[in-house]
Amino acid sequence: MARPRRCAGAGVRPAATWSPKSPLPPGATALSPRSRTWCADAPPDRRVRIDKLLWFLRLAKTRPLAQALAEEGHIRLNGRRVDRAHQKIAVGDVLTVPIAAGVRVIEVLSIPVRRGPAGEAQGCYRVLDGRPVDPIAAAHSNGA
C-alpha cells in the first residue's frame, strides 16, 4: 500500500486569516493591506538609519541615492554634519536636507515602519522652513 503524498506546506500552520469582525491582537493598530500582517506601534525610542529614513520619507528616490547623499556630507542632523549612512535618527531630530528645489529643514515627528504612499510619508515630518518665498517681498527686505 502506497503512503499518501504530503503537500509542500504540510506540517506548517497556515497564517491566521483576518476578517473585518475579528479584533486586533494586543499591541497591533492596523492590518497591512498588502501583506495581511499586523502592523504594531513603533516604540517611542525607536531609531532608524538616516539613509533608510530619507528613503521612507520619500526625500530620496532610492536607498542607494540616500546613502550617497548621507556619505557625501550634504545632510545636517541637529546642526552637525552627517558623513555616514548608518547615523541613527530618532523622533524630534531636525534634519537639513538638500533636494532638487533647494534646501529643506524638517523635524522628524514619527519614525515610519515602511516606505508607504506620499501622504503617509509627509505625515511623519514637519517642514520648518516651508513658507514660500515671495520674490517681490524678498527684493524689498534686502534693500534691493
C-alpha atoms as a PDB file:
ATOM      1  CA  MET A   1       0.000   0.000   0.000  1.00  0.00           C
ATOM      2  CA  ALA A   2       1.417   3.375  -1.006  1.00  0.00           C
ATOM      3  CA  ARG A   3       1.860   6.145   1.508  1.00  0.00           C
ATOM      4  CA  PRO A   4      -0.216   9.273   0.959  1.00  0.00           C
ATOM      5  CA  ARG A   5       1.781  12.131  -0.535  1.00  0.00           C
ATOM      6  CA  ARG A   6       2.389  15.209   1.536  1.00  0.00           C
ATOM      7  CA  CYS A   7       1.976  18.607   0.006  1.00  0.00           C
ATOM      8  CA  ALA A   8       4.801  21.119   0.193  1.00  0.00           C
ATOM      9  CA  GLY A   9       3.185  23.024   3.039  1.00  0.00           C
ATOM     10  CA  ALA A  10       2.330  20.001   5.155  1.00  0.00           C
ATOM     11  CA  GLY A  11       3.229  20.413   8.778  1.00  0.00           C
ATOM     12  CA  VAL A  12       3.277  24.205   8.519  1.00  0.00           C
ATOM     13  CA  ARG A  13       0.488  26.031  10.259  1.00  0.00           C
ATOM     14  CA  PRO A  14      -1.350  28.412   7.964  1.00  0.00           C
ATOM     15  CA  ALA A  15      -1.160  32.107   8.785  1.00  0.00           C
ATOM     16  CA  ALA A  16      -4.054  33.483  10.751  1.00  0.00           C
ATOM     17  CA  THR A  17      -6.609  34.985   8.451  1.00  0.00           C
ATOM     18  CA  TRP A  18      -8.188  38.327   9.076  1.00  0.00           C
ATOM     19  CA  SER A  19     -11.806  39.219   8.884  1.00  0.00           C
ATOM     20  CA  PRO A  20     -13.358  42.651   9.377  1.00  0.00           C
ATOM     21  CA  LYS A  21     -15.096  41.408  12.523  1.00  0.00           C
ATOM     22  CA  SER A  22     -12.025  39.972  14.219  1.00  0.00           C
ATOM     23  CA  PRO A  23     -10.498  42.105  16.987  1.00  0.00           C
ATOM     24  CA  LEU A  24      -6.972  43.458  16.775  1.00  0.00           C
ATOM     25  CA  PRO A  25      -4.340  41.469  18.640  1.00  0.00           C
ATOM     26  CA  PRO A  26      -2.688  43.165  21.643  1.00  0.00           C
ATOM     27  CA  GLY A  27      -0.272  45.901  20.557  1.00  0.00           C
ATOM     28  CA  ALA A  28      -1.487  45.998  16.952  1.00  0.00           C
ATOM     29  CA  THR A  29      -3.028  49.092  15.436  1.00  0.00           C
ATOM     30  CA  ALA A  30      -3.874  48.107  11.867  1.00  0.00           C
ATOM     31  CA  LEU A  31      -3.679  45.432   9.257  1.00  0.00           C
ATOM     32  CA  SER A  32      -1.274  45.922   6.386  1.00  0.00           C
ATOM     33  CA  PRO A  33      -3.395  45.595   3.238  1.00  0.00           C
ATOM     34  CA  ARG A  34      -0.580  44.225   1.095  1.00  0.00           C
ATOM     35  CA  SER A  35       0.900  41.544   3.278  1.00  0.00           C
ATOM     36  CA  ARG A  36      -2.094  40.861   5.514  1.00  0.00           C
ATOM     37  CA  THR A  37       0.139  41.143   8.571  1.00  0.00           C
ATOM     38  CA  TRP A  38      -0.431  43.178  11.679  1.00  0.00           C
ATOM     39  CA  CYS A  39       1.468  46.458  11.974  1.00  0.00           C
ATOM     40  CA  ALA A  40       2.498  47.140  15.558  1.00  0.00           C
ATOM     41  CA  ASP A  41       3.133  50.571  17.022  1.00  0.00           C
ATOM     42  CA  ALA A  42       6.770  51.591  16.902  1.00  0.00           C
ATOM     43  CA  PRO A  43       8.266  52.180  20.344  1.00  0.00           C
ATOM     44  CA  PRO A  44       8.863  55.878  21.113  1.00  0.00           C
ATOM     45  CA  ASP A  45      12.625  55.370  21.458  1.00  0.00           C
ATOM     46  CA  ARG A  46      12.946  53.629  18.078  1.00  0.00           C
ATOM     47  CA  ARG A  47      15.892  54.794  15.975  1.00  0.00           C
ATOM     48  CA  VAL A  48      16.493  54.202  12.282  1.00  0.00           C
ATOM     49  CA  ARG A  49      19.386  54.752   9.866  1.00  0.00           C
ATOM     50  CA  ILE A  50      19.393  58.112   8.108  1.00  0.00           C
ATOM     51  CA  ASP A  51      19.539  56.582   4.623  1.00  0.00           C
ATOM     52  CA  LYS A  52      16.566  54.368   5.347  1.00  0.00           C
ATOM     53  CA  LEU A  53      14.632  57.301   6.835  1.00  0.00           C
ATOM     54  CA  LEU A  54      15.271  59.515   3.796  1.00  0.00           C
ATOM     55  CA  TRP A  55      14.024  56.710   1.578  1.00  0.00           C
ATOM     56  CA  PHE A  56      10.963  56.037   3.766  1.00  0.00           C
ATOM     57  CA  LEU A  57      10.092  59.769   3.843  1.00  0.00           C
ATOM     58  CA  ARG A  58      10.450  59.928   0.047  1.00  0.00           C
ATOM     59  CA  LEU A  59      13.154  62.613   0.212  1.00  0.00           C
ATOM     60  CA  ALA A  60      15.381  60.290  -1.846  1.00  0.00           C
ATOM     61  CA  LYS A  61      14.111  58.262  -4.780  1.00  0.00           C
ATOM     62  CA  THR A  62      16.186  55.157  -3.999  1.00  0.00           C
ATOM     63  CA  ARG A  63      18.053  53.923  -0.966  1.00  0.00           C
ATOM     64  CA  PRO A  64      21.466  53.973  -2.730  1.00  0.00           C
ATOM     65  CA  LEU A  65      20.860  57.647  -3.558  1.00  0.00           C
ATOM     66  CA  ALA A  66      20.032  58.294   0.095  1.00  0.00           C
ATOM     67  CA  GLN A  67      23.241  56.502   1.150  1.00  0.00           C
ATOM     68  CA  ALA A  68      25.315  58.601  -1.254  1.00  0.00           C
ATOM     69  CA  LEU A  69      23.670  61.807  -0.035  1.00  0.00           C
ATOM     70  CA  ALA A  70      24.494  60.955   3.572  1.00  0.00           C
ATOM     71  CA  GLU A  71      28.064  59.794   2.920  1.00  0.00           C
ATOM     72  CA  GLU A  72      28.941  62.890   0.882  1.00  0.00           C
ATOM     73  CA  GLY A  73      28.247  65.055   3.933  1.00  0.00           C
ATOM     74  CA  HIS A  74      25.418  67.140   2.476  1.00  0.00           C
ATOM     75  CA  ILE A  75      22.998  66.423   5.348  1.00  0.00           C
ATOM     76  CA  ARG A  76      22.980  68.015   8.787  1.00  0.00           C
ATOM     77  CA  LEU A  77      21.474  66.396  11.875  1.00  0.00           C
ATOM     78  CA  ASN A  78      20.639  68.884  14.644  1.00  0.00           C
ATOM     79  CA  GLY A  79      23.158  71.292  13.114  1.00  0.00           C
ATOM     80  CA  ARG A  80      26.005  68.767  12.878  1.00  0.00           C
ATOM     81  CA  ARG A  81      27.304  67.369   9.605  1.00  0.00           C
ATOM     82  CA  VAL A  82      26.467  63.724   8.833  1.00  0.00           C
ATOM     83  CA  ASP A  83      29.161  61.792   6.964  1.00  0.00           C
ATOM     84  CA  ARG A  84      27.922  58.214   7.329  1.00  0.00           C
ATOM     85  CA  ALA A  85      24.787  56.498   6.118  1.00  0.00           C
ATOM     86  CA  HIS A  86      24.320  54.465   9.302  1.00  0.00           C
ATOM     87  CA  GLN A  87      23.821  57.506  11.546  1.00  0.00           C
ATOM     88  CA  LYS A  88      20.755  56.833  13.721  1.00  0.00           C
ATOM     89  CA  ILE A  89      17.788  59.221  13.718  1.00  0.00           C
ATOM     90  CA  ALA A  90      15.132  59.493  16.448  1.00  0.00           C
ATOM     91  CA  VAL A  91      11.848  61.348  16.847  1.00  0.00           C
ATOM     92  CA  GLY A  92      12.403  65.074  17.402  1.00  0.00           C
ATOM     93  CA  ASP A  93      15.634  65.307  15.399  1.00  0.00           C
ATOM     94  CA  VAL A  94      15.988  68.198  12.938  1.00  0.00           C
ATOM     95  CA  LEU A  95      17.420  67.364   9.506  1.00  0.00           C
ATOM     96  CA  THR A  96      18.718  69.781   6.877  1.00  0.00           C
ATOM     97  CA  VAL A  97      18.476  68.003   3.534  1.00  0.00           C
ATOM     98  CA  PRO A  98      19.412  69.333   0.077  1.00  0.00           C
ATOM     99  CA  ILE A  99      16.837  68.485  -2.556  1.00  0.00           C
ATOM    100  CA  ALA A 100      16.432  69.498  -6.198  1.00  0.00           C
ATOM    101  CA  ALA A 101      14.345  72.581  -5.350  1.00  0.00           C
ATOM    102  CA  GLY A 102      16.765  73.816  -2.667  1.00  0.00           C
ATOM    103  CA  VAL A 103      17.420  73.028   0.969  1.00  0.00           C
ATOM    104  CA  ARG A 104      14.681  71.657   3.221  1.00  0.00           C
ATOM    105  CA  VAL A 105      14.767  71.756   7.021  1.00  0.00           C
ATOM    106  CA  ILE A 106      12.479  69.144   8.595  1.00  0.00           C
ATOM    107  CA  GLU A 107      11.680  67.857  12.065  1.00  0.00           C
ATOM    108  CA  VAL A 108      11.017  64.129  12.417  1.00  0.00           C
ATOM    109  CA  LEU A 109       7.622  63.639  14.111  1.00  0.00           C
ATOM    110  CA  SER A 110       7.461  59.846  13.906  1.00  0.00           C
ATOM    111  CA  ILE A 111       9.538  57.007  12.507  1.00  0.00           C
ATOM    112  CA  PRO A 112       7.731  55.246   9.645  1.00  0.00           C
ATOM    113  CA  VAL A 113       7.642  51.465   9.602  1.00  0.00           C
ATOM    114  CA  ARG A 114       7.690  51.189   5.803  1.00  0.00           C
ATOM    115  CA  ARG A 115       8.008  53.219   2.610  1.00  0.00           C
ATOM    116  CA  GLY A 116       4.364  53.996   2.134  1.00  0.00           C
ATOM    117  CA  PRO A 117       2.442  56.445  -0.020  1.00  0.00           C
ATOM    118  CA  ALA A 118       3.489  60.099  -0.138  1.00  0.00           C
ATOM    119  CA  GLY A 119       0.688  61.247   2.166  1.00  0.00           C
ATOM    120  CA  GLU A 120       1.723  58.762   4.822  1.00  0.00           C
ATOM    121  CA  ALA A 121       5.372  59.824   4.494  1.00  0.00           C
ATOM    122  CA  GLN A 122       4.558  63.541   4.752  1.00  0.00           C
ATOM    123  CA  GLY A 123       2.699  62.916   7.989  1.00  0.00           C
ATOM    124  CA  CYS A 124       5.923  61.691   9.606  1.00  0.00           C
ATOM    125  CA  TYR A 125       7.772  65.014   9.387  1.00  0.00           C
ATOM    126  CA  ARG A 126       7.151  68.745   9.652  1.00  0.00           C
ATOM    127  CA  VAL A 127       8.796  71.256   7.322  1.00  0.00           C
ATOM    128  CA  LEU A 128      10.352  74.032   9.393  1.00  0.00           C
ATOM    129  CA  ASP A 129      11.221  76.355   6.507  1.00  0.00           C
ATOM    130  CA  GLY A 130       8.110  75.644   4.458  1.00  0.00           C
ATOM    131  CA  ARG A 131       6.806  79.135   3.742  1.00  0.00           C
ATOM    132  CA  PRO A 132       7.040  80.128   0.092  1.00  0.00           C
ATOM    133  CA  VAL A 133       9.377  82.957  -0.789  1.00  0.00           C
ATOM    134  CA  ASP A 134       7.726  85.945  -2.421  1.00  0.00           C
ATOM    135  CA  PRO A 135      10.337  87.387  -4.833  1.00  0.00           C
ATOM    136  CA  ILE A 136       8.841  90.906  -4.596  1.00  0.00           C
ATOM    137  CA  ALA A 137       8.900  90.889  -0.795  1.00  0.00           C
ATOM    138  CA  ALA A 138      12.413  89.438  -0.810  1.00  0.00           C
ATOM    139  CA  ALA A 139      13.623  92.269  -3.037  1.00  0.00           C
ATOM    140  CA  HIS A 140      12.219  94.869  -0.630  1.00  0.00           C
ATOM    141  CA  SER A 141      13.537  93.173   2.508  1.00  0.00           C
ATOM    142  CA  ASN A 142      17.197  93.089   1.490  1.00  0.00           C
ATOM    143  CA  GLY A 143      17.387  96.690   0.272  1.00  0.00           C
ATOM    144  CA  ALA A 144      17.365  95.944  -3.455  1.00  0.00           C
END
